[in-house]
């Protein structure tokens, strides 16, 4: 069992899964728990994505899963990205995204990795577990260090990043407000 992961609330072990249409209903349940208008880190959801219908959801999932393929063209301002959902017993508890490189925006605001855990699944170690797994993926991509950024007041995310080896560079004002910037050497 991964260190620090609490499984006393659910029997199965979590998995990091590529986005899949098979989990449409489970993903919608997680999405609804976040609430309307709230940003869901790690899912790559854009305001223009229509995810309620099976067709819209399938199109969104296809965009996410085609992202890391170097043969697929990317939209302007986008970088290759690997998305994974944090799933346990076919329930989606969160998402995590590994951006393979940094552009100007990601360097200023978002970093290499973004993640989010739905409220009902927090305080179980899922974010630390998923981040640890994605750091292995980042190393496999050839990255030697990664940038993680969180809101200055998000103490839970700061602790998660620090638990996984994050070293605070500082706090900066960004387009999204004050943010803590961490580097993790791989």
C-alpha atoms as a PDB file:
ATOM      1  CA  UNK A   1       0.000   0.000   0.000  1.00  0.00           C
ATOM      2  CA  UNK A   2       1.391   3.469  -0.827  1.00  0.00           C
ATOM      3  CA  UNK A   3       2.708   5.300   2.228  1.00  0.00           C
ATOM      4  CA  UNK A   4       0.159   7.628   3.775  1.00  0.00           C
ATOM      5  CA  UNK A   5      -2.793   6.379   1.704  1.00  0.00           C
ATOM      6  CA  UNK A   6      -5.877   5.763   3.812  1.00  0.00           C
ATOM      7  CA  UNK A   7      -8.123   3.006   2.483  1.00  0.00           C
ATOM      8  CA  UNK A   8     -10.358   2.645   5.524  1.00  0.00           C
ATOM      9  CA  UNK A   9     -13.215   4.525   3.851  1.00  0.00           C
ATOM     10  CA  UNK A  10     -13.279   2.433   0.663  1.00  0.00           C
ATOM     11  CA  UNK A  11     -12.186  -1.170   0.173  1.00  0.00           C
ATOM     12  CA  UNK A  12     -10.324  -1.086  -3.140  1.00  0.00           C
ATOM     13  CA  UNK A  13      -7.001   0.490  -3.994  1.00  0.00           C
ATOM     14  CA  UNK A  14      -7.002   3.569  -6.212  1.00  0.00           C
ATOM     15  CA  UNK A  15      -5.792   3.516  -9.800  1.00  0.00           C
ATOM     16  CA  UNK A  16      -4.621   6.191 -12.193  1.00  0.00           C
ATOM     17  CA  UNK A  17      -6.593   5.607 -15.374  1.00  0.00           C
ATOM     18  CA  UNK A  18      -6.524   7.325 -18.739  1.00  0.00           C
ATOM     19  CA  UNK A  19      -9.795   9.176 -19.330  1.00  0.00           C
ATOM     20  CA  UNK A  20     -12.428   6.795 -20.663  1.00  0.00           C
ATOM     21  CA  UNK A  21     -16.037   7.064 -21.832  1.00  0.00           C
ATOM     22  CA  UNK A  22     -16.786   3.986 -19.694  1.00  0.00           C
ATOM     23  CA  UNK A  23     -16.731   6.246 -16.610  1.00  0.00           C
ATOM     24  CA  UNK A  24     -19.080   8.931 -17.954  1.00  0.00           C
ATOM     25  CA  UNK A  25     -21.651   8.616 -15.139  1.00  0.00           C
ATOM     26  CA  UNK A  26     -18.952   8.369 -12.457  1.00  0.00           C
ATOM     27  CA  UNK A  27     -17.125  11.402 -13.847  1.00  0.00           C
ATOM     28  CA  UNK A  28     -20.363  13.412 -13.930  1.00  0.00           C
ATOM     29  CA  UNK A  29     -20.965  12.526 -10.270  1.00  0.00           C
ATOM     30  CA  UNK A  30     -17.518  13.924  -9.382  1.00  0.00           C
ATOM     31  CA  UNK A  31     -18.068  16.966 -11.605  1.00  0.00           C
ATOM     32  CA  UNK A  32     -21.418  17.701  -9.943  1.00  0.00           C
ATOM     33  CA  UNK A  33     -19.802  17.499  -6.507  1.00  0.00           C
ATOM     34  CA  UNK A  34     -17.335  20.238  -7.505  1.00  0.00           C
ATOM     35  CA  UNK A  35     -20.269  22.525  -8.188  1.00  0.00           C
ATOM     36  CA  UNK A  36     -21.104  24.871 -11.045  1.00  0.00           C
ATOM     37  CA  UNK A  37     -18.436  27.310 -12.100  1.00  0.00           C
ATOM     38  CA  UNK A  38     -15.703  25.890  -9.886  1.00  0.00           C
ATOM     39  CA  UNK A  39     -12.375  25.031 -11.487  1.00  0.00           C
ATOM     40  CA  UNK A  40     -11.502  21.345 -11.405  1.00  0.00           C
ATOM     41  CA  UNK A  41      -7.719  21.012 -11.507  1.00  0.00           C
ATOM     42  CA  UNK A  42      -6.302  18.005 -13.311  1.00  0.00           C
ATOM     43  CA  UNK A  43      -9.206  17.337 -15.675  1.00  0.00           C
ATOM     44  CA  UNK A  44      -8.308  19.601 -18.608  1.00  0.00           C
ATOM     45  CA  UNK A  45     -11.906  20.790 -18.771  1.00  0.00           C
ATOM     46  CA  UNK A  46     -12.481  23.938 -20.814  1.00  0.00           C
ATOM     47  CA  UNK A  47     -15.541  26.171 -20.568  1.00  0.00           C
ATOM     48  CA  UNK A  48     -16.429  25.176 -24.153  1.00  0.00           C
ATOM     49  CA  UNK A  49     -16.436  21.420 -23.400  1.00  0.00           C
ATOM     50  CA  UNK A  50     -19.905  19.869 -23.379  1.00  0.00           C
ATOM     51  CA  UNK A  51     -19.652  16.805 -21.140  1.00  0.00           C
ATOM     52  CA  UNK A  52     -23.260  15.923 -20.268  1.00  0.00           C
ATOM     53  CA  UNK A  53     -24.182  14.154 -23.493  1.00  0.00           C
ATOM     54  CA  UNK A  54     -22.455  10.890 -24.448  1.00  0.00           C
ATOM     55  CA  UNK A  55     -21.281  12.489 -27.695  1.00  0.00           C
ATOM     56  CA  UNK A  56     -19.862  15.593 -26.038  1.00  0.00           C
ATOM     57  CA  UNK A  57     -18.190  13.534 -23.335  1.00  0.00           C
ATOM     58  CA  UNK A  58     -16.646  11.221 -25.943  1.00  0.00           C
ATOM     59  CA  UNK A  59     -15.289  14.219 -27.882  1.00  0.00           C
ATOM     60  CA  UNK A  60     -13.758  15.668 -24.688  1.00  0.00           C
ATOM     61  CA  UNK A  61     -12.211  12.314 -23.705  1.00  0.00           C
ATOM     62  CA  UNK A  62     -10.781  11.969 -27.228  1.00  0.00           C
ATOM     63  CA  UNK A  63      -9.152  15.409 -26.925  1.00  0.00           C
ATOM     64  CA  UNK A  64      -7.585  14.448 -23.592  1.00  0.00           C
ATOM     65  CA  UNK A  65      -6.308  11.074 -24.724  1.00  0.00           C
ATOM     66  CA  UNK A  66      -4.956  12.387 -28.054  1.00  0.00           C
ATOM     67  CA  UNK A  67      -2.976  15.107 -26.252  1.00  0.00           C
ATOM     68  CA  UNK A  68       0.268  13.215 -25.595  1.00  0.00           C
ATOM     69  CA  UNK A  69       0.490  11.864 -29.167  1.00  0.00           C
ATOM     70  CA  UNK A  70       3.230  13.838 -30.964  1.00  0.00           C
ATOM     71  CA  UNK A  71       1.541  13.020 -34.287  1.00  0.00           C
ATOM     72  CA  UNK A  72      -1.605  14.912 -33.250  1.00  0.00           C
ATOM     73  CA  UNK A  73      -1.683  18.691 -33.781  1.00  0.00           C
ATOM     74  CA  UNK A  74      -2.181  20.833 -30.672  1.00  0.00           C
ATOM     75  CA  UNK A  75      -4.280  23.961 -30.360  1.00  0.00           C
ATOM     76  CA  UNK A  76      -2.310  27.209 -30.191  1.00  0.00           C
ATOM     77  CA  UNK A  77      -0.796  27.792 -26.752  1.00  0.00           C
ATOM     78  CA  UNK A  78      -1.161  24.129 -25.726  1.00  0.00           C
ATOM     79  CA  UNK A  79       1.584  21.656 -24.845  1.00  0.00           C
ATOM     80  CA  UNK A  80       1.528  17.840 -24.812  1.00  0.00           C
ATOM     81  CA  UNK A  81      -0.178  16.652 -21.640  1.00  0.00           C
ATOM     82  CA  UNK A  82      -0.955  13.311 -20.004  1.00  0.00           C
ATOM     83  CA  UNK A  83      -4.257  13.208 -18.113  1.00  0.00           C
ATOM     84  CA  UNK A  84      -5.152  10.567 -15.539  1.00  0.00           C
ATOM     85  CA  UNK A  85      -8.225  10.093 -13.408  1.00  0.00           C
ATOM     86  CA  UNK A  86      -7.963   8.934  -9.811  1.00  0.00           C
ATOM     87  CA  UNK A  87     -10.429   6.044  -9.701  1.00  0.00           C
ATOM     88  CA  UNK A  88     -11.423   3.558  -7.033  1.00  0.00           C
ATOM     89  CA  UNK A  89     -14.246   1.008  -7.372  1.00  0.00           C
ATOM     90  CA  UNK A  90     -15.295   2.731 -10.622  1.00  0.00           C
ATOM     91  CA  UNK A  91     -15.743   6.039  -8.772  1.00  0.00           C
ATOM     92  CA  UNK A  92     -13.832   9.077  -9.996  1.00  0.00           C
ATOM     93  CA  UNK A  93     -12.250  10.870  -7.038  1.00  0.00           C
ATOM     94  CA  UNK A  94     -10.052  13.340  -8.895  1.00  0.00           C
ATOM     95  CA  UNK A  95      -7.802  14.096 -11.794  1.00  0.00           C
ATOM     96  CA  UNK A  96      -4.155  14.890 -12.414  1.00  0.00           C
ATOM     97  CA  UNK A  97      -2.441  16.363 -15.465  1.00  0.00           C
ATOM     98  CA  UNK A  98       1.241  16.185 -16.401  1.00  0.00           C
ATOM     99  CA  UNK A  99       2.272  18.830 -18.914  1.00  0.00           C
ATOM    100  CA  UNK A 100       5.323  17.596 -20.795  1.00  0.00           C
ATOM    101  CA  UNK A 101       6.850  21.068 -21.167  1.00  0.00           C
ATOM    102  CA  UNK A 102       6.268  24.635 -20.055  1.00  0.00           C
ATOM    103  CA  UNK A 103       5.154  27.543 -22.226  1.00  0.00           C
ATOM    104  CA  UNK A 104       5.133  31.138 -20.941  1.00  0.00           C
ATOM    105  CA  UNK A 105       1.680  30.806 -19.340  1.00  0.00           C
ATOM    106  CA  UNK A 106       2.460  27.500 -17.609  1.00  0.00           C
ATOM    107  CA  UNK A 107       5.758  28.883 -16.326  1.00  0.00           C
ATOM    108  CA  UNK A 108       3.966  31.909 -14.849  1.00  0.00           C
ATOM    109  CA  UNK A 109       0.711  30.366 -13.637  1.00  0.00           C
ATOM    110  CA  UNK A 110       0.174  26.596 -13.708  1.00  0.00           C
ATOM    111  CA  UNK A 111       3.392  24.546 -13.773  1.00  0.00           C
ATOM    112  CA  UNK A 112       3.992  21.019 -15.037  1.00  0.00           C
ATOM    113  CA  UNK A 113       1.428  19.212 -12.867  1.00  0.00           C
ATOM    114  CA  UNK A 114      -2.074  20.139 -11.764  1.00  0.00           C
ATOM    115  CA  UNK A 115      -4.423  17.983  -9.708  1.00  0.00           C
ATOM    116  CA  UNK A 116      -7.707  18.073  -7.874  1.00  0.00           C
ATOM    117  CA  UNK A 117      -9.596  15.785  -5.495  1.00  0.00           C
ATOM    118  CA  UNK A 118     -13.351  15.988  -5.022  1.00  0.00           C
ATOM    119  CA  UNK A 119     -14.368  17.196  -1.572  1.00  0.00           C
ATOM    120  CA  UNK A 120     -15.778  13.851  -0.331  1.00  0.00           C
ATOM    121  CA  UNK A 121     -12.482  12.049  -1.091  1.00  0.00           C
ATOM    122  CA  UNK A 122     -10.078  14.524   0.522  1.00  0.00           C
ATOM    123  CA  UNK A 123      -7.845  13.843   3.544  1.00  0.00           C
ATOM    124  CA  UNK A 124      -7.112  10.254   2.454  1.00  0.00           C
ATOM    125  CA  UNK A 125      -3.716  10.845   0.828  1.00  0.00           C
ATOM    126  CA  UNK A 126      -5.022  10.463  -2.726  1.00  0.00           C
ATOM    127  CA  UNK A 127      -3.374  13.663  -3.991  1.00  0.00           C
ATOM    128  CA  UNK A 128       0.036  12.683  -2.585  1.00  0.00           C
ATOM    129  CA  UNK A 129      -0.340   9.170  -3.986  1.00  0.00           C
ATOM    130  CA  UNK A 130      -1.325  10.436  -7.461  1.00  0.00           C
ATOM    131  CA  UNK A 131       1.386  13.107  -7.485  1.00  0.00           C
ATOM    132  CA  UNK A 132       4.004  10.494  -6.587  1.00  0.00           C
ATOM    133  CA  UNK A 133       2.862   8.352  -9.517  1.00  0.00           C
ATOM    134  CA  UNK A 134       2.948  11.281 -11.938  1.00  0.00           C
ATOM    135  CA  UNK A 135       6.450  12.227 -10.817  1.00  0.00           C
ATOM    136  CA  UNK A 136       7.551   8.773 -11.991  1.00  0.00           C
ATOM    137  CA  UNK A 137       5.909   9.530 -15.360  1.00  0.00           C
ATOM    138  CA  UNK A 138       7.657  12.915 -15.527  1.00  0.00           C
ATOM    139  CA  UNK A 139      11.001  11.216 -14.931  1.00  0.00           C
ATOM    140  CA  UNK A 140      10.192   8.695 -17.684  1.00  0.00           C
ATOM    141  CA  UNK A 141       9.574  11.615 -20.064  1.00  0.00           C
ATOM    142  CA  UNK A 142      13.102  12.836 -19.356  1.00  0.00           C
ATOM    143  CA  UNK A 143      12.210  15.791 -17.132  1.00  0.00           C
ATOM    144  CA  UNK A 144      14.798  16.452 -14.437  1.00  0.00           C
ATOM    145  CA  UNK A 145      12.632  18.810 -12.396  1.00  0.00           C
ATOM    146  CA  UNK A 146       9.020  19.910 -12.409  1.00  0.00           C
ATOM    147  CA  UNK A 147       7.197  23.058 -11.361  1.00  0.00           C
ATOM    148  CA  UNK A 148       4.030  22.876  -9.275  1.00  0.00           C
ATOM    149  CA  UNK A 149       1.933  25.921  -8.479  1.00  0.00           C
ATOM    150  CA  UNK A 150      -0.946  26.284  -6.037  1.00  0.00           C
ATOM    151  CA  UNK A 151      -3.010  29.122  -4.641  1.00  0.00           C
ATOM    152  CA  UNK A 152      -1.136  30.876  -1.840  1.00  0.00           C
ATOM    153  CA  UNK A 153      -3.877  29.986   0.672  1.00  0.00           C
ATOM    154  CA  UNK A 154      -4.254  26.324  -0.320  1.00  0.00           C
ATOM    155  CA  UNK A 155      -2.473  24.770   2.663  1.00  0.00           C
ATOM    156  CA  UNK A 156      -3.565  21.212   1.801  1.00  0.00           C
ATOM    157  CA  UNK A 157      -2.022  21.424  -1.659  1.00  0.00           C
ATOM    158  CA  UNK A 158       1.143  23.025  -0.246  1.00  0.00           C
ATOM    159  CA  UNK A 159       1.520  20.131   2.212  1.00  0.00           C
ATOM    160  CA  UNK A 160       0.938  17.600  -0.587  1.00  0.00           C
ATOM    161  CA  UNK A 161       3.627  19.170  -2.764  1.00  0.00           C
ATOM    162  CA  UNK A 162       6.078  19.440   0.137  1.00  0.00           C
ATOM    163  CA  UNK A 163       5.383  15.804   1.105  1.00  0.00           C
ATOM    164  CA  UNK A 164       6.427  14.818  -2.430  1.00  0.00           C
ATOM    165  CA  UNK A 165       9.697  16.768  -2.290  1.00  0.00           C
ATOM    166  CA  UNK A 166       8.591  20.229  -3.376  1.00  0.00           C
ATOM    167  CA  UNK A 167      10.926  23.085  -2.481  1.00  0.00           C
ATOM    168  CA  UNK A 168       9.280  26.495  -2.250  1.00  0.00           C
ATOM    169  CA  UNK A 169      10.704  28.993  -4.742  1.00  0.00           C
ATOM    170  CA  UNK A 170       8.438  31.757  -3.469  1.00  0.00           C
ATOM    171  CA  UNK A 171       5.028  33.360  -3.744  1.00  0.00           C
ATOM    172  CA  UNK A 172       4.166  35.399  -6.835  1.00  0.00           C
ATOM    173  CA  UNK A 173       1.195  37.375  -8.025  1.00  0.00           C
ATOM    174  CA  UNK A 174      -0.309  35.763 -11.127  1.00  0.00           C
ATOM    175  CA  UNK A 175      -3.316  36.372 -13.375  1.00  0.00           C
ATOM    176  CA  UNK A 176      -5.220  34.016 -11.053  1.00  0.00           C
ATOM    177  CA  UNK A 177      -4.052  35.612  -7.793  1.00  0.00           C
ATOM    178  CA  UNK A 178      -1.143  34.962  -5.408  1.00  0.00           C
ATOM    179  CA  UNK A 179       0.450  31.559  -5.962  1.00  0.00           C
ATOM    180  CA  UNK A 180       3.047  29.430  -4.209  1.00  0.00           C
ATOM    181  CA  UNK A 181       5.666  28.030  -6.615  1.00  0.00           C
ATOM    182  CA  UNK A 182       7.459  24.764  -5.901  1.00  0.00           C
ATOM    183  CA  UNK A 183      10.147  22.828  -7.759  1.00  0.00           C
ATOM    184  CA  UNK A 184      10.601  19.091  -7.378  1.00  0.00           C
ATOM    185  CA  UNK A 185      13.902  17.628  -8.535  1.00  0.00           C
ATOM    186  CA  UNK A 186      13.431  14.181 -10.069  1.00  0.00           C
END
